[in-house]
N, C-alpha and C. Protein backbone atom coordinates (compact mmCIF):
# COMPACT_ATOMS: atom_id res chain seq x y z
N ALA A 1 0.83 -1.18 0.00
CA ALA A 1 0.00 0.00 0.00
C ALA A 1 0.87 1.25 0.00
N GLN A 2 2.00 1.19 0.69
CA GLN A 2 2.90 2.36 0.73
C GLN A 2 3.46 2.65 -0.67
N TYR A 3 3.82 1.60 -1.40
CA TYR A 3 4.34 1.81 -2.75
C TYR A 3 3.27 2.38 -3.67
N MET A 4 2.05 1.86 -3.57
CA MET A 4 0.96 2.36 -4.40
C MET A 4 0.68 3.83 -4.07
N SER A 5 0.73 4.17 -2.80
CA SER A 5 0.52 5.56 -2.39
C SER A 5 1.63 6.44 -2.95
N ALA A 6 2.87 5.95 -2.90
CA ALA A 6 4.00 6.73 -3.42
C ALA A 6 3.90 6.92 -4.93
N ILE A 7 3.48 5.88 -5.62
CA ILE A 7 3.41 5.93 -7.09
C ILE A 7 2.26 6.81 -7.56
N THR A 8 1.09 6.68 -6.92
CA THR A 8 -0.10 7.40 -7.40
C THR A 8 -0.27 8.77 -6.77
N GLY A 9 0.37 8.99 -5.62
CA GLY A 9 0.17 10.24 -4.92
C GLY A 9 -1.12 10.26 -4.12
N GLU A 10 -1.81 9.13 -4.09
CA GLU A 10 -3.04 8.99 -3.31
C GLU A 10 -2.79 7.99 -2.19
N GLU A 11 -3.45 8.19 -1.07
CA GLU A 11 -3.30 7.26 0.04
C GLU A 11 -4.07 5.97 -0.22
N TRP A 12 -3.39 4.84 -0.09
CA TRP A 12 -4.00 3.53 -0.24
C TRP A 12 -3.81 2.75 1.04
N THR A 13 -4.87 2.06 1.48
CA THR A 13 -4.75 1.14 2.60
C THR A 13 -4.54 -0.27 2.03
N MET A 14 -4.12 -1.18 2.86
CA MET A 14 -3.97 -2.58 2.42
C MET A 14 -5.33 -3.13 1.98
N GLU A 15 -6.39 -2.76 2.67
CA GLU A 15 -7.72 -3.23 2.32
C GLU A 15 -8.13 -2.73 0.94
N GLU A 16 -7.82 -1.46 0.65
CA GLU A 16 -8.14 -0.91 -0.67
C GLU A 16 -7.31 -1.58 -1.77
N LEU A 17 -6.07 -1.85 -1.47
CA LEU A 17 -5.20 -2.51 -2.43
C LEU A 17 -5.67 -3.95 -2.70
N ASP A 18 -6.03 -4.66 -1.64
CA ASP A 18 -6.56 -6.02 -1.80
C ASP A 18 -7.84 -6.01 -2.63
N PHE A 19 -8.72 -5.05 -2.36
CA PHE A 19 -9.98 -4.94 -3.09
C PHE A 19 -9.70 -4.68 -4.58
N ALA A 20 -8.78 -3.77 -4.86
CA ALA A 20 -8.44 -3.45 -6.25
C ALA A 20 -7.85 -4.67 -6.96
N ALA A 21 -7.01 -5.41 -6.27
CA ALA A 21 -6.41 -6.60 -6.86
C ALA A 21 -7.48 -7.65 -7.15
N GLU A 22 -8.37 -7.89 -6.20
CA GLU A 22 -9.42 -8.88 -6.44
C GLU A 22 -10.39 -8.41 -7.51
N ARG A 23 -10.65 -7.12 -7.57
CA ARG A 23 -11.51 -6.58 -8.63
C ARG A 23 -10.89 -6.90 -10.00
N GLY A 24 -9.57 -6.75 -10.09
CA GLY A 24 -8.88 -7.09 -11.34
C GLY A 24 -9.02 -8.56 -11.69
N LEU A 25 -8.93 -9.44 -10.68
CA LEU A 25 -9.10 -10.87 -10.92
C LEU A 25 -10.53 -11.20 -11.37
N GLN A 26 -11.50 -10.51 -10.78
CA GLN A 26 -12.90 -10.73 -11.19
C GLN A 26 -13.11 -10.30 -12.65
N LEU A 27 -12.52 -9.18 -13.00
CA LEU A 27 -12.63 -8.70 -14.38
C LEU A 27 -11.93 -9.64 -15.34
N LEU A 28 -10.77 -10.16 -14.96
CA LEU A 28 -10.06 -11.12 -15.79
C LEU A 28 -10.91 -12.37 -16.01
N ARG A 29 -11.51 -12.88 -14.96
CA ARG A 29 -12.33 -14.09 -15.09
C ARG A 29 -13.52 -13.82 -16.00
N ALA A 30 -14.18 -12.69 -15.84
CA ALA A 30 -15.31 -12.34 -16.70
C ALA A 30 -14.86 -12.22 -18.16
N THR A 31 -13.69 -11.68 -18.37
CA THR A 31 -13.14 -11.56 -19.72
C THR A 31 -12.86 -12.93 -20.32
N GLN A 32 -12.39 -13.86 -19.49
CA GLN A 32 -12.15 -15.23 -19.96
C GLN A 32 -13.47 -15.90 -20.35
N VAL A 33 -14.50 -15.72 -19.54
CA VAL A 33 -15.82 -16.27 -19.86
C VAL A 33 -16.30 -15.71 -21.20
N LEU A 34 -16.15 -14.42 -21.35
CA LEU A 34 -16.57 -13.76 -22.59
C LEU A 34 -15.75 -14.25 -23.79
N GLY A 35 -14.45 -14.32 -23.62
CA GLY A 35 -13.58 -14.73 -24.71
C GLY A 35 -13.79 -16.17 -25.15
N LEU A 36 -14.07 -17.05 -24.18
CA LEU A 36 -14.31 -18.46 -24.50
C LEU A 36 -15.76 -18.71 -24.89
N ASN A 37 -16.60 -17.70 -24.68
CA ASN A 37 -18.03 -17.79 -24.97
C ASN A 37 -18.69 -18.96 -24.25
N THR A 38 -18.28 -19.17 -23.02
CA THR A 38 -18.90 -20.20 -22.18
C THR A 38 -18.73 -19.81 -20.72
N MET A 39 -19.75 -20.11 -19.93
CA MET A 39 -19.58 -19.89 -18.49
C MET A 39 -19.12 -21.18 -17.81
N ASP A 40 -19.00 -22.28 -18.56
CA ASP A 40 -18.55 -23.55 -17.98
C ASP A 40 -17.03 -23.59 -17.90
N MET A 41 -16.49 -22.74 -17.05
CA MET A 41 -15.03 -22.65 -16.89
C MET A 41 -14.46 -23.92 -16.26
N ARG A 42 -15.25 -24.60 -15.44
CA ARG A 42 -14.77 -25.83 -14.80
C ARG A 42 -14.35 -26.85 -15.85
N ASN A 43 -15.13 -27.02 -16.89
CA ASN A 43 -14.83 -28.03 -17.91
C ASN A 43 -14.11 -27.50 -19.13
N GLU A 44 -14.26 -26.22 -19.42
CA GLU A 44 -13.67 -25.67 -20.63
C GLU A 44 -12.34 -24.95 -20.41
N HIS A 45 -11.99 -24.67 -19.15
CA HIS A 45 -10.80 -23.87 -18.89
C HIS A 45 -9.95 -24.42 -17.74
N ASP A 46 -10.58 -24.74 -16.64
CA ASP A 46 -9.86 -25.08 -15.40
C ASP A 46 -9.53 -26.57 -15.33
N ARG A 47 -8.83 -27.05 -16.30
CA ARG A 47 -8.52 -28.47 -16.42
C ARG A 47 -7.03 -28.71 -16.46
N PHE A 48 -6.61 -29.81 -15.85
CA PHE A 48 -5.24 -30.29 -16.00
C PHE A 48 -5.25 -31.39 -17.05
N ASN A 49 -4.13 -31.61 -17.70
CA ASN A 49 -4.02 -32.72 -18.64
C ASN A 49 -4.13 -34.04 -17.89
N ASP A 50 -4.66 -35.06 -18.57
CA ASP A 50 -4.87 -36.37 -17.93
C ASP A 50 -3.58 -36.99 -17.40
N TRP A 51 -2.46 -36.68 -18.01
CA TRP A 51 -1.22 -37.33 -17.59
C TRP A 51 -0.90 -37.06 -16.13
N ILE A 52 -1.32 -35.91 -15.60
CA ILE A 52 -0.99 -35.57 -14.22
C ILE A 52 -1.71 -36.51 -13.24
N TYR A 53 -2.81 -37.11 -13.70
CA TYR A 53 -3.55 -38.06 -12.88
C TYR A 53 -3.14 -39.51 -13.17
N ASP A 54 -2.70 -39.75 -14.41
CA ASP A 54 -2.44 -41.12 -14.86
C ASP A 54 -0.98 -41.53 -14.80
N ILE A 55 -0.09 -40.58 -14.59
CA ILE A 55 1.34 -40.89 -14.53
C ILE A 55 1.59 -41.86 -13.36
N ASP A 56 2.57 -42.67 -13.48
CA ASP A 56 2.95 -43.61 -12.41
C ASP A 56 1.74 -44.41 -11.91
N PRO A 57 1.14 -45.26 -12.77
CA PRO A 57 -0.09 -45.96 -12.41
C PRO A 57 -0.03 -46.78 -11.12
N ASP A 58 1.14 -47.23 -10.73
CA ASP A 58 1.25 -48.07 -9.54
C ASP A 58 1.58 -47.27 -8.27
N ILE A 59 1.66 -45.96 -8.40
CA ILE A 59 2.03 -45.11 -7.26
C ILE A 59 0.82 -44.25 -6.89
N PRO A 60 0.46 -44.20 -5.61
CA PRO A 60 -0.66 -43.34 -5.19
C PRO A 60 -0.36 -41.85 -5.42
N ALA A 61 -1.41 -41.09 -5.67
CA ALA A 61 -1.27 -39.65 -5.84
C ALA A 61 -0.60 -39.03 -4.62
N PHE A 62 0.18 -37.99 -4.85
CA PHE A 62 0.86 -37.20 -3.83
C PHE A 62 1.98 -37.95 -3.12
N SER A 63 2.37 -39.10 -3.65
CA SER A 63 3.50 -39.84 -3.06
C SER A 63 4.80 -39.10 -3.34
N GLU A 64 5.75 -39.25 -2.43
CA GLU A 64 7.06 -38.65 -2.63
C GLU A 64 7.67 -39.20 -3.92
N GLY A 65 8.24 -38.32 -4.72
CA GLY A 65 8.91 -38.73 -5.94
C GLY A 65 8.03 -38.70 -7.17
N THR A 66 6.77 -38.29 -7.02
CA THR A 66 5.88 -38.19 -8.19
C THR A 66 5.12 -36.87 -8.13
N VAL A 67 4.67 -36.44 -9.29
CA VAL A 67 3.83 -35.23 -9.36
C VAL A 67 2.37 -35.61 -9.56
N LYS A 68 2.08 -36.88 -9.46
CA LYS A 68 0.73 -37.40 -9.68
C LYS A 68 -0.26 -36.75 -8.73
N MET A 69 -1.43 -36.37 -9.30
CA MET A 69 -2.50 -35.77 -8.51
C MET A 69 -3.73 -36.67 -8.54
N ASP A 70 -4.68 -36.37 -7.68
CA ASP A 70 -5.92 -37.13 -7.59
C ASP A 70 -7.06 -36.29 -8.16
N ARG A 71 -7.83 -36.85 -9.10
CA ARG A 71 -8.91 -36.10 -9.76
C ARG A 71 -9.94 -35.56 -8.76
N GLU A 72 -10.42 -36.41 -7.87
CA GLU A 72 -11.44 -36.00 -6.91
C GLU A 72 -10.92 -34.88 -6.01
N ASP A 73 -9.68 -34.98 -5.58
CA ASP A 73 -9.08 -33.96 -4.75
C ASP A 73 -9.02 -32.62 -5.49
N MET A 74 -8.67 -32.66 -6.75
CA MET A 74 -8.59 -31.42 -7.53
C MET A 74 -9.97 -30.83 -7.79
N GLU A 75 -10.99 -31.67 -7.97
CA GLU A 75 -12.35 -31.16 -8.14
C GLU A 75 -12.81 -30.46 -6.86
N ASN A 76 -12.49 -31.06 -5.72
CA ASN A 76 -12.82 -30.43 -4.44
C ASN A 76 -12.09 -29.09 -4.29
N ALA A 77 -10.82 -29.06 -4.71
CA ALA A 77 -10.05 -27.82 -4.63
C ALA A 77 -10.66 -26.74 -5.51
N LEU A 78 -11.09 -27.10 -6.72
CA LEU A 78 -11.73 -26.11 -7.59
C LEU A 78 -12.99 -25.55 -6.93
N THR A 79 -13.79 -26.42 -6.34
CA THR A 79 -15.01 -25.95 -5.68
C THR A 79 -14.68 -24.97 -4.56
N LEU A 80 -13.66 -25.27 -3.78
CA LEU A 80 -13.26 -24.36 -2.70
C LEU A 80 -12.77 -23.02 -3.24
N ILE A 81 -12.01 -23.05 -4.32
CA ILE A 81 -11.53 -21.81 -4.94
C ILE A 81 -12.71 -21.00 -5.46
N TYR A 82 -13.62 -21.66 -6.17
CA TYR A 82 -14.79 -20.96 -6.71
C TYR A 82 -15.59 -20.31 -5.58
N ARG A 83 -15.79 -21.03 -4.51
CA ARG A 83 -16.55 -20.50 -3.36
C ARG A 83 -15.85 -19.27 -2.79
N GLU A 84 -14.55 -19.37 -2.61
CA GLU A 84 -13.79 -18.26 -2.04
C GLU A 84 -13.82 -17.02 -2.94
N MET A 85 -13.80 -17.24 -4.24
CA MET A 85 -13.81 -16.12 -5.20
C MET A 85 -15.20 -15.56 -5.45
N GLY A 86 -16.24 -16.25 -5.00
CA GLY A 86 -17.61 -15.79 -5.24
C GLY A 86 -18.08 -16.17 -6.63
N TRP A 87 -17.57 -17.28 -7.13
CA TRP A 87 -17.97 -17.77 -8.45
C TRP A 87 -18.95 -18.92 -8.28
N ASP A 88 -19.74 -19.15 -9.30
CA ASP A 88 -20.66 -20.27 -9.29
C ASP A 88 -19.88 -21.57 -9.11
N GLU A 89 -20.28 -22.39 -8.14
CA GLU A 89 -19.50 -23.59 -7.81
C GLU A 89 -19.61 -24.69 -8.85
N VAL A 90 -20.61 -24.64 -9.70
CA VAL A 90 -20.75 -25.65 -10.75
C VAL A 90 -19.97 -25.25 -11.99
N THR A 91 -20.06 -23.98 -12.37
CA THR A 91 -19.45 -23.54 -13.62
C THR A 91 -18.10 -22.85 -13.45
N GLY A 92 -17.87 -22.25 -12.28
CA GLY A 92 -16.64 -21.49 -12.08
C GLY A 92 -16.70 -20.10 -12.69
N SER A 93 -17.90 -19.65 -13.01
CA SER A 93 -18.08 -18.33 -13.61
C SER A 93 -18.49 -17.32 -12.54
N PRO A 94 -18.04 -16.07 -12.64
CA PRO A 94 -18.43 -15.07 -11.64
C PRO A 94 -19.95 -14.89 -11.61
N THR A 95 -20.48 -14.71 -10.43
CA THR A 95 -21.92 -14.47 -10.29
C THR A 95 -22.21 -12.97 -10.40
N ARG A 96 -23.46 -12.66 -10.63
CA ARG A 96 -23.87 -11.25 -10.68
C ARG A 96 -23.53 -10.55 -9.36
N ALA A 97 -23.85 -11.20 -8.25
CA ALA A 97 -23.62 -10.58 -6.94
C ALA A 97 -22.14 -10.26 -6.75
N THR A 98 -21.27 -11.16 -7.16
CA THR A 98 -19.83 -10.92 -7.01
C THR A 98 -19.38 -9.76 -7.89
N LEU A 99 -19.80 -9.76 -9.14
CA LEU A 99 -19.40 -8.68 -10.04
C LEU A 99 -19.92 -7.34 -9.54
N GLU A 100 -21.15 -7.31 -9.06
CA GLU A 100 -21.70 -6.06 -8.54
C GLU A 100 -20.97 -5.60 -7.28
N ARG A 101 -20.56 -6.55 -6.43
CA ARG A 101 -19.82 -6.20 -5.21
C ARG A 101 -18.52 -5.46 -5.56
N PHE A 102 -17.96 -5.75 -6.72
CA PHE A 102 -16.71 -5.12 -7.14
C PHE A 102 -16.94 -3.95 -8.11
N GLY A 103 -18.18 -3.47 -8.18
CA GLY A 103 -18.47 -2.33 -9.05
C GLY A 103 -18.45 -2.69 -10.52
N LEU A 104 -18.71 -3.95 -10.83
CA LEU A 104 -18.65 -4.43 -12.21
C LEU A 104 -20.04 -4.85 -12.71
N GLY A 105 -21.04 -4.10 -12.29
CA GLY A 105 -22.41 -4.39 -12.72
C GLY A 105 -22.57 -4.34 -14.22
N ASP A 106 -21.85 -3.42 -14.87
CA ASP A 106 -21.94 -3.33 -16.33
C ASP A 106 -21.39 -4.59 -17.00
N VAL A 107 -20.37 -5.18 -16.39
CA VAL A 107 -19.81 -6.42 -16.91
C VAL A 107 -20.82 -7.55 -16.73
N ALA A 108 -21.49 -7.58 -15.58
CA ALA A 108 -22.53 -8.58 -15.34
C ALA A 108 -23.64 -8.45 -16.38
N GLU A 109 -24.04 -7.23 -16.67
CA GLU A 109 -25.08 -7.00 -17.68
C GLU A 109 -24.64 -7.49 -19.06
N ASP A 110 -23.39 -7.22 -19.41
CA ASP A 110 -22.87 -7.67 -20.70
C ASP A 110 -22.87 -9.19 -20.78
N LEU A 111 -22.41 -9.85 -19.71
CA LEU A 111 -22.42 -11.31 -19.70
C LEU A 111 -23.84 -11.85 -19.76
N ALA A 112 -24.75 -11.24 -19.01
CA ALA A 112 -26.15 -11.68 -19.02
C ALA A 112 -26.76 -11.54 -20.41
N SER A 113 -26.43 -10.46 -21.10
CA SER A 113 -27.00 -10.25 -22.44
C SER A 113 -26.54 -11.30 -23.43
N LYS A 114 -25.44 -11.97 -23.11
CA LYS A 114 -24.89 -13.03 -23.98
C LYS A 114 -25.15 -14.42 -23.39
N ASN A 115 -26.03 -14.48 -22.36
CA ASN A 115 -26.38 -15.72 -21.69
C ASN A 115 -25.14 -16.40 -21.10
N LEU A 116 -24.23 -15.60 -20.53
CA LEU A 116 -22.99 -16.10 -19.95
C LEU A 116 -22.88 -15.81 -18.46
N LEU A 117 -24.01 -15.57 -17.82
CA LEU A 117 -24.01 -15.28 -16.38
C LEU A 117 -24.83 -16.36 -15.67
N PRO A 118 -24.23 -17.03 -14.68
CA PRO A 118 -25.01 -18.08 -13.99
C PRO A 118 -26.26 -17.54 -13.34
N ALA A 119 -27.27 -18.38 -13.26
CA ALA A 119 -28.56 -17.98 -12.68
C ALA A 119 -28.44 -17.79 -11.19
């Protein structure tokens, strides 16, 4: 916040800086939904390649010496991330309420007009 205040000449608190950063992330996610023309980010965007789950078939996921992951664990992680970000837990797309909370109501309207906003 001190650096932002020094650069802009305006006083910034850590809370304001955090809000601005998250607002940028919300806008980025909305832009990704728009660019991909789908709100199903869980299946169309937020995917790992199968090899990360299938590598080392005889070794359990997360074992020392492997990068193998567990599909169910990663699905649970995505749900937790979506919940924390205020995104729809099924699609991974920002909700109207979240976009409006960050002053992005116009973005919500644009997504809604293209049927890209979760109900």
